[in-house]
Amino acid sequence: MKLFEEADHPQDLDTVVSEIAHILAASPGGARYDASQTDDERASISNLIVLCDRHHKVVDAQRVKYTPEILREMKTKHETAVSRGQLYVMNAVGFAELEAVCSSLRLSTQAVSVGVEILVLPPGISEKMAANDLGEISAALIRTGIAKTTSVEAFISFSERGMPGFSTRLQQWFKAKYAEGVLHSLSGDDLFSFVCSAALDNAGVNRNELLEAAAIAVVVHLFEICEIFEAVRAAS
């Protein structure tokens, strides 16, 4: 299922063709409404499913056929397929894709000045995710990208040998994007997605799945070594 229809003409806009649907309705009278749910449960990721606009109407109109159990099974099957697809694409990421994501930073000789403190290494990824209020959306990206961090580290080392100072410029650029997201009051999954999008934007206008995976891999690597996002603070 396509989430959006890409525009062919540069003056046209990409068009969103998907909708976020509730498995159990958000309000009384809605499809499959459960009065025992709390508002937080209704708004949680586990109660949401992405559908095209046509099937959103169908599942809400055909409530006997599309029970909560059926929708949860559909959601699980789709998420499993997507995760496998993401992992397959991530495994195919090489230096060429990482080069595209970091291309403008390799050519730059000017450091980025941002007021972001130097962060210390966290005791673990899970603890750092909790400290930054990252949910399942970011967790899925981190689980996918973590397997490629060794390749990202190798690429950064390779680039550093040819262009001394590249590693510092890379970290400063991402810290600047992280700070930009914070200044726009983003946090949690929204902030993580913003930084990933910024990395992909840096790869140019010709986007594809490999470049998207490479962008995620770079962000996850910097997240892992605690160059972006808050580190877990040691107990006093």
C-alpha atoms as a PDB file:
ATOM      1  CA  MET A   1       0.000   0.000   0.000  1.00  0.00           C
ATOM      2  CA  LYS A   2       1.361   3.388  -0.993  1.00  0.00           C
ATOM      3  CA  LEU A   3       1.181   6.071   1.674  1.00  0.00           C
ATOM      4  CA  PHE A   4       1.466   8.889  -0.835  1.00  0.00           C
ATOM      5  CA  GLU A   5       1.432   9.429  -4.590  1.00  0.00           C
ATOM      6  CA  GLU A   6       4.628  11.069  -5.785  1.00  0.00           C
ATOM      7  CA  ALA A   7       4.262  14.025  -8.117  1.00  0.00           C
ATOM      8  CA  ASP A   8       5.814  13.713 -11.583  1.00  0.00           C
ATOM      9  CA  HIS A   9       6.089  17.460 -12.197  1.00  0.00           C
ATOM     10  CA  PRO A  10       8.439  19.554 -10.003  1.00  0.00           C
ATOM     11  CA  GLN A  11       5.714  22.161  -9.481  1.00  0.00           C
ATOM     12  CA  ASP A  12       3.198  19.592  -8.255  1.00  0.00           C
ATOM     13  CA  LEU A  13       2.980  18.314  -4.698  1.00  0.00           C
ATOM     14  CA  ASP A  14       3.124  14.756  -3.422  1.00  0.00           C
ATOM     15  CA  THR A  15      -0.374  13.640  -2.426  1.00  0.00           C
ATOM     16  CA  VAL A  16      -1.154  11.693   0.729  1.00  0.00           C
ATOM     17  CA  VAL A  17      -3.461   8.777  -0.137  1.00  0.00           C
ATOM     18  CA  SER A  18      -3.505   7.055   3.243  1.00  0.00           C
ATOM     19  CA  GLU A  19      -5.370   7.683   6.471  1.00  0.00           C
ATOM     20  CA  ILE A  20      -4.826   6.750  10.107  1.00  0.00           C
ATOM     21  CA  ALA A  21      -7.791   4.700  11.324  1.00  0.00           C
ATOM     22  CA  HIS A  22      -8.795   3.588  14.810  1.00  0.00           C
ATOM     23  CA  ILE A  23      -9.195  -0.133  15.415  1.00  0.00           C
ATOM     24  CA  LEU A  24     -11.516   0.712  18.308  1.00  0.00           C
ATOM     25  CA  ALA A  25     -13.282   4.003  17.639  1.00  0.00           C
ATOM     26  CA  ALA A  26     -12.138   7.223  19.286  1.00  0.00           C
ATOM     27  CA  SER A  27     -15.673   8.288  20.226  1.00  0.00           C
ATOM     28  CA  PRO A  28     -19.097   6.751  20.977  1.00  0.00           C
ATOM     29  CA  GLY A  29     -21.003   5.681  17.885  1.00  0.00           C
ATOM     30  CA  GLY A  30     -17.826   4.986  15.948  1.00  0.00           C
ATOM     31  CA  ALA A  31     -16.884   1.603  14.546  1.00  0.00           C
ATOM     32  CA  ARG A  32     -15.939  -0.934  17.208  1.00  0.00           C
ATOM     33  CA  TYR A  33     -16.110   1.629  20.041  1.00  0.00           C
ATOM     34  CA  ASP A  34     -15.116   0.223  23.437  1.00  0.00           C
ATOM     35  CA  ALA A  35     -16.336   2.273  26.404  1.00  0.00           C
ATOM     36  CA  SER A  36     -13.872   0.532  28.721  1.00  0.00           C
ATOM     37  CA  GLN A  37     -10.875   2.060  26.930  1.00  0.00           C
ATOM     38  CA  THR A  38      -9.124   5.129  28.315  1.00  0.00           C
ATOM     39  CA  ASP A  39      -8.391   8.130  26.088  1.00  0.00           C
ATOM     40  CA  ASP A  40      -4.702   7.225  26.117  1.00  0.00           C
ATOM     41  CA  GLU A  41      -5.497   3.683  24.977  1.00  0.00           C
ATOM     42  CA  ARG A  42      -7.664   4.996  22.125  1.00  0.00           C
ATOM     43  CA  ALA A  43      -4.833   7.254  20.927  1.00  0.00           C
ATOM     44  CA  SER A  44      -2.062   4.677  21.368  1.00  0.00           C
ATOM     45  CA  ILE A  45      -0.128   3.241  18.417  1.00  0.00           C
ATOM     46  CA  SER A  46      -1.515  -0.224  19.185  1.00  0.00           C
ATOM     47  CA  ASN A  47      -5.036   1.059  18.457  1.00  0.00           C
ATOM     48  CA  LEU A  48      -4.130   2.747  15.171  1.00  0.00           C
ATOM     49  CA  ILE A  49      -3.790   1.282  11.688  1.00  0.00           C
ATOM     50  CA  VAL A  50      -2.850   2.976   8.400  1.00  0.00           C
ATOM     51  CA  LEU A  51      -5.292   2.357   5.548  1.00  0.00           C
ATOM     52  CA  CYS A  52      -5.979   3.832   2.141  1.00  0.00           C
ATOM     53  CA  ASP A  53      -9.007   6.158   2.162  1.00  0.00           C
ATOM     54  CA  ARG A  54     -11.142   3.541   0.350  1.00  0.00           C
ATOM     55  CA  HIS A  55     -10.475   0.745   2.846  1.00  0.00           C
ATOM     56  CA  HIS A  56     -10.875   3.129   5.777  1.00  0.00           C
ATOM     57  CA  LYS A  57     -14.488   3.599   4.688  1.00  0.00           C
ATOM     58  CA  VAL A  58     -14.938  -0.134   4.074  1.00  0.00           C
ATOM     59  CA  VAL A  59     -13.690  -1.344   7.478  1.00  0.00           C
ATOM     60  CA  ASP A  60     -15.802   1.221   9.301  1.00  0.00           C
ATOM     61  CA  ALA A  61     -18.943   0.333   7.310  1.00  0.00           C
ATOM     62  CA  GLN A  62     -18.490  -3.459   7.426  1.00  0.00           C
ATOM     63  CA  ARG A  63     -18.095  -3.868  11.168  1.00  0.00           C
ATOM     64  CA  VAL A  64     -19.191  -7.507  11.341  1.00  0.00           C
ATOM     65  CA  LYS A  65     -16.538  -8.585   8.863  1.00  0.00           C
ATOM     66  CA  TYR A  66     -13.781  -6.298  10.135  1.00  0.00           C
ATOM     67  CA  THR A  67     -13.713  -7.082  13.826  1.00  0.00           C
ATOM     68  CA  PRO A  68     -11.002  -5.737  16.169  1.00  0.00           C
ATOM     69  CA  GLU A  69      -9.302  -9.138  16.002  1.00  0.00           C
ATOM     70  CA  ILE A  70      -9.229  -9.106  12.191  1.00  0.00           C
ATOM     71  CA  LEU A  71      -7.837  -5.549  12.079  1.00  0.00           C
ATOM     72  CA  ARG A  72      -5.155  -6.341  14.655  1.00  0.00           C
ATOM     73  CA  GLU A  73      -4.136  -9.392  12.615  1.00  0.00           C
ATOM     74  CA  MET A  74      -3.962  -7.234   9.466  1.00  0.00           C
ATOM     75  CA  LYS A  75      -1.853  -4.671  11.326  1.00  0.00           C
ATOM     76  CA  THR A  76       0.553  -7.319  12.668  1.00  0.00           C
ATOM     77  CA  LYS A  77       1.007  -8.987   9.267  1.00  0.00           C
ATOM     78  CA  HIS A  78       1.667  -5.661   7.554  1.00  0.00           C
ATOM     79  CA  GLU A  79       4.111  -4.447  10.206  1.00  0.00           C
ATOM     80  CA  THR A  80       6.000  -7.758  10.012  1.00  0.00           C
ATOM     81  CA  ALA A  81       6.241  -7.491   6.224  1.00  0.00           C
ATOM     82  CA  VAL A  82       7.416  -3.881   6.422  1.00  0.00           C
ATOM     83  CA  SER A  83      10.038  -4.729   9.051  1.00  0.00           C
ATOM     84  CA  ARG A  84      11.406  -7.544   6.893  1.00  0.00           C
ATOM     85  CA  GLY A  85      11.468  -5.244   3.885  1.00  0.00           C
ATOM     86  CA  GLN A  86      13.254  -2.503   5.813  1.00  0.00           C
ATOM     87  CA  LEU A  87      15.852  -4.959   7.087  1.00  0.00           C
ATOM     88  CA  TYR A  88      16.439  -6.282   3.561  1.00  0.00           C
ATOM     89  CA  VAL A  89      16.942  -2.765   2.202  1.00  0.00           C
ATOM     90  CA  MET A  90      19.127  -1.781   5.170  1.00  0.00           C
ATOM     91  CA  ASN A  91      21.413  -4.749   4.493  1.00  0.00           C
ATOM     92  CA  ALA A  92      21.881  -3.475   0.932  1.00  0.00           C
ATOM     93  CA  VAL A  93      23.078  -0.023   2.043  1.00  0.00           C
ATOM     94  CA  GLY A  94      26.689   0.608   1.065  1.00  0.00           C
ATOM     95  CA  PHE A  95      29.183   3.454   0.883  1.00  0.00           C
ATOM     96  CA  ALA A  96      27.441   4.890  -2.193  1.00  0.00           C
ATOM     97  CA  GLU A  97      24.223   5.525  -0.267  1.00  0.00           C
ATOM     98  CA  LEU A  98      26.050   6.829   2.800  1.00  0.00           C
ATOM     99  CA  GLU A  99      28.043   9.091   0.491  1.00  0.00           C
ATOM    100  CA  ALA A 100      24.805  10.533  -0.901  1.00  0.00           C
ATOM    101  CA  VAL A 101      23.380  11.213   2.551  1.00  0.00           C
ATOM    102  CA  CYS A 102      26.597  12.889   3.713  1.00  0.00           C
ATOM    103  CA  SER A 103      27.635  14.385   0.349  1.00  0.00           C
ATOM    104  CA  SER A 104      27.242  18.073   1.147  1.00  0.00           C
ATOM    105  CA  LEU A 105      28.989  17.593   4.489  1.00  0.00           C
ATOM    106  CA  ARG A 106      31.991  15.921   2.836  1.00  0.00           C
ATOM    107  CA  LEU A 107      32.391  18.892   0.516  1.00  0.00           C
ATOM    108  CA  SER A 108      32.008  21.467   3.273  1.00  0.00           C
ATOM    109  CA  THR A 109      35.034  22.793   5.125  1.00  0.00           C
ATOM    110  CA  GLN A 110      33.045  25.018   7.481  1.00  0.00           C
ATOM    111  CA  ALA A 111      31.948  23.841  10.892  1.00  0.00           C
ATOM    112  CA  VAL A 112      28.401  24.381  12.098  1.00  0.00           C
ATOM    113  CA  SER A 113      28.100  26.319  15.339  1.00  0.00           C
ATOM    114  CA  VAL A 114      25.230  25.231  17.569  1.00  0.00           C
ATOM    115  CA  GLY A 115      24.537  25.542  21.258  1.00  0.00           C
ATOM    116  CA  VAL A 116      24.191  21.833  21.956  1.00  0.00           C
ATOM    117  CA  GLU A 117      26.199  20.399  24.833  1.00  0.00           C
ATOM    118  CA  ILE A 118      28.620  17.518  24.370  1.00  0.00           C
ATOM    119  CA  LEU A 119      26.763  14.389  25.409  1.00  0.00           C
ATOM    120  CA  VAL A 120      28.234  11.400  27.201  1.00  0.00           C
ATOM    121  CA  LEU A 121      27.830   7.773  26.242  1.00  0.00           C
ATOM    122  CA  PRO A 122      24.643   6.214  27.647  1.00  0.00           C
ATOM    123  CA  PRO A 123      24.664   2.905  29.501  1.00  0.00           C
ATOM    124  CA  GLY A 124      22.348   1.359  26.923  1.00  0.00           C
ATOM    125  CA  ILE A 125      20.102   2.027  23.957  1.00  0.00           C
ATOM    126  CA  SER A 126      16.895   1.067  25.774  1.00  0.00           C
ATOM    127  CA  GLU A 127      17.617   3.435  28.639  1.00  0.00           C
ATOM    128  CA  LYS A 128      18.393   6.249  26.230  1.00  0.00           C
ATOM    129  CA  MET A 129      15.181   5.651  24.304  1.00  0.00           C
ATOM    130  CA  ALA A 130      13.225   5.888  27.545  1.00  0.00           C
ATOM    131  CA  ALA A 131      15.075   9.064  28.539  1.00  0.00           C
ATOM    132  CA  ASN A 132      14.074  10.662  25.219  1.00  0.00           C
ATOM    133  CA  ASP A 133      10.471   9.417  25.356  1.00  0.00           C
ATOM    134  CA  LEU A 134      10.895   7.421  22.147  1.00  0.00           C
ATOM    135  CA  GLY A 135       8.059   5.034  21.352  1.00  0.00           C
ATOM    136  CA  GLU A 136       7.517   2.096  19.032  1.00  0.00           C
ATOM    137  CA  ILE A 137       7.864   4.184  15.845  1.00  0.00           C
ATOM    138  CA  SER A 138      11.441   5.176  16.687  1.00  0.00           C
ATOM    139  CA  ALA A 139      12.168   1.759  18.205  1.00  0.00           C
ATOM    140  CA  ALA A 140      11.365   0.088  14.881  1.00  0.00           C
ATOM    141  CA  LEU A 141      13.768   2.416  13.056  1.00  0.00           C
ATOM    142  CA  ILE A 142      16.499   1.896  15.651  1.00  0.00           C
ATOM    143  CA  ARG A 143      16.123  -1.894  15.547  1.00  0.00           C
ATOM    144  CA  THR A 144      16.515  -1.767  11.769  1.00  0.00           C
ATOM    145  CA  GLY A 145      19.385   0.713  11.672  1.00  0.00           C
ATOM    146  CA  ILE A 146      21.458  -0.661  14.536  1.00  0.00           C
ATOM    147  CA  ALA A 147      22.761  -3.508  12.370  1.00  0.00           C
ATOM    148  CA  LYS A 148      24.347  -1.007   9.990  1.00  0.00           C
ATOM    149  CA  THR A 149      26.139   1.229  12.486  1.00  0.00           C
ATOM    150  CA  THR A 150      29.453  -0.578  11.929  1.00  0.00           C
ATOM    151  CA  SER A 151      29.264   0.314   8.228  1.00  0.00           C
ATOM    152  CA  VAL A 152      28.453   3.942   9.076  1.00  0.00           C
ATOM    153  CA  GLU A 153      31.426   4.068  11.448  1.00  0.00           C
ATOM    154  CA  ALA A 154      33.668   2.610   8.719  1.00  0.00           C
ATOM    155  CA  PHE A 155      32.395   5.188   6.227  1.00  0.00           C
ATOM    156  CA  ILE A 156      33.018   8.064   8.632  1.00  0.00           C
ATOM    157  CA  SER A 157      36.557   6.795   9.310  1.00  0.00           C
ATOM    158  CA  PHE A 158      37.182   6.459   5.572  1.00  0.00           C
ATOM    159  CA  SER A 159      35.920   9.992   4.927  1.00  0.00           C
ATOM    160  CA  GLU A 160      37.958  11.355   7.830  1.00  0.00           C
ATOM    161  CA  ARG A 161      41.165  10.035   6.294  1.00  0.00           C
ATOM    162  CA  GLY A 162      40.483  11.845   3.033  1.00  0.00           C
ATOM    163  CA  MET A 163      38.966  14.963   4.586  1.00  0.00           C
ATOM    164  CA  PRO A 164      40.186  15.624   8.124  1.00  0.00           C
ATOM    165  CA  GLY A 165      37.463  17.165  10.265  1.00  0.00           C
ATOM    166  CA  PHE A 166      34.619  15.399   8.442  1.00  0.00           C
ATOM    167  CA  SER A 167      33.491  13.509  11.555  1.00  0.00           C
ATOM    168  CA  THR A 168      33.238  16.740  13.532  1.00  0.00           C
ATOM    169  CA  ARG A 169      31.290  18.494  10.756  1.00  0.00           C
ATOM    170  CA  LEU A 170      28.930  15.528  10.482  1.00  0.00           C
ATOM    171  CA  GLN A 171      28.204  15.538  14.213  1.00  0.00           C
ATOM    172  CA  GLN A 172      27.773  19.316  14.319  1.00  0.00           C
ATOM    173  CA  TRP A 173      25.375  19.296  11.362  1.00  0.00           C
ATOM    174  CA  PHE A 174      23.172  16.671  12.982  1.00  0.00           C
ATOM    175  CA  LYS A 175      23.322  18.452  16.326  1.00  0.00           C
ATOM    176  CA  ALA A 176      22.145  21.592  14.539  1.00  0.00           C
ATOM    177  CA  LYS A 177      19.183  19.698  13.056  1.00  0.00           C
ATOM    178  CA  TYR A 178      18.413  18.166  16.437  1.00  0.00           C
ATOM    179  CA  ALA A 179      18.501  21.638  18.033  1.00  0.00           C
ATOM    180  CA  GLU A 180      16.254  22.959  15.256  1.00  0.00           C
ATOM    181  CA  GLY A 181      13.678  20.293  16.036  1.00  0.00           C
ATOM    182  CA  VAL A 182      13.836  21.070  19.756  1.00  0.00           C
ATOM    183  CA  LEU A 183      13.353  24.785  19.023  1.00  0.00           C
ATOM    184  CA  HIS A 184      10.205  23.836  17.087  1.00  0.00           C
ATOM    185  CA  SER A 185       8.946  22.051  20.225  1.00  0.00           C
ATOM    186  CA  LEU A 186       9.394  18.585  18.764  1.00  0.00           C
ATOM    187  CA  SER A 187      10.104  15.673  21.076  1.00  0.00           C
ATOM    188  CA  GLY A 188       9.989  11.880  21.215  1.00  0.00           C
ATOM    189  CA  ASP A 189       9.119  10.101  17.969  1.00  0.00           C
ATOM    190  CA  ASP A 190       8.369  13.384  16.187  1.00  0.00           C
ATOM    191  CA  LEU A 191      11.888  14.662  16.907  1.00  0.00           C
ATOM    192  CA  PHE A 192      13.507  11.387  15.837  1.00  0.00           C
ATOM    193  CA  SER A 193      11.524  11.382  12.574  1.00  0.00           C
ATOM    194  CA  PHE A 194      12.455  15.032  11.979  1.00  0.00           C
ATOM    195  CA  VAL A 195      16.185  14.272  12.223  1.00  0.00           C
ATOM    196  CA  CYS A 196      15.823  11.243   9.917  1.00  0.00           C
ATOM    197  CA  SER A 197      13.946  13.402   7.393  1.00  0.00           C
ATOM    198  CA  ALA A 198      16.667  16.057   7.571  1.00  0.00           C
ATOM    199  CA  ALA A 199      19.290  13.396   6.811  1.00  0.00           C
ATOM    200  CA  LEU A 200      17.290  12.182   3.815  1.00  0.00           C
ATOM    201  CA  ASP A 201      16.770  15.752   2.570  1.00  0.00           C
ATOM    202  CA  ASN A 202      20.548  16.159   2.583  1.00  0.00           C
ATOM    203  CA  ALA A 203      20.811  13.279   0.093  1.00  0.00           C
ATOM    204  CA  GLY A 204      19.249  15.350  -2.705  1.00  0.00           C
ATOM    205  CA  VAL A 205      16.002  15.234  -4.636  1.00  0.00           C
ATOM    206  CA  ASN A 206      16.293  11.711  -6.072  1.00  0.00           C
ATOM    207  CA  ARG A 207      15.021   9.645  -3.180  1.00  0.00           C
ATOM    208  CA  ASN A 208      14.744   5.875  -2.977  1.00  0.00           C
ATOM    209  CA  GLU A 209      14.497   3.148  -0.344  1.00  0.00           C
ATOM    210  CA  LEU A 210      18.264   2.688  -0.134  1.00  0.00           C
ATOM    211  CA  LEU A 211      18.842   6.385   0.568  1.00  0.00           C
ATOM    212  CA  GLU A 212      16.068   6.364   3.167  1.00  0.00           C
ATOM    213  CA  ALA A 213      17.689   3.372   4.874  1.00  0.00           C
ATOM    214  CA  ALA A 214      21.120   5.039   4.728  1.00  0.00           C
ATOM    215  CA  ALA A 215      19.718   8.195   6.349  1.00  0.00           C
ATOM    216  CA  ILE A 216      18.205   6.135   9.169  1.00  0.00           C
ATOM    217  CA  ALA A 217      21.489   4.241   9.626  1.00  0.00           C
ATOM    218  CA  VAL A 218      23.465   7.474  10.058  1.00  0.00           C
ATOM    219  CA  VAL A 219      20.965   8.848  12.578  1.00  0.00           C
ATOM    220  CA  VAL A 220      20.910   5.585  14.543  1.00  0.00           C
ATOM    221  CA  HIS A 221      24.719   5.522  14.653  1.00  0.00           C
ATOM    222  CA  LEU A 222      24.879   9.058  16.045  1.00  0.00           C
ATOM    223  CA  PHE A 223      22.077   8.195  18.457  1.00  0.00           C
ATOM    224  CA  GLU A 224      24.003   5.135  19.633  1.00  0.00           C
ATOM    225  CA  ILE A 225      27.233   7.035  20.310  1.00  0.00           C
ATOM    226  CA  CYS A 226      25.200   9.795  21.960  1.00  0.00           C
ATOM    227  CA  GLU A 227      26.098  12.658  19.638  1.00  0.00           C
ATOM    228  CA  ILE A 228      22.418  13.534  19.262  1.00  0.00           C
ATOM    229  CA  PHE A 229      19.530  13.173  21.711  1.00  0.00           C
ATOM    230  CA  GLU A 230      19.863  13.322  25.460  1.00  0.00           C
ATOM    231  CA  ALA A 231      22.106  10.814  27.204  1.00  0.00           C
ATOM    232  CA  VAL A 232      21.001   8.897  30.243  1.00  0.00           C
ATOM    233  CA  ARG A 233      22.188  10.852  33.245  1.00  0.00           C
ATOM    234  CA  ALA A 234      24.119   8.997  35.906  1.00  0.00           C
ATOM    235  CA  ALA A 235      22.353   8.785  39.267  1.00  0.00           C
ATOM    236  CA  SER A 236      23.775  11.271  41.783  1.00  0.00           C
END
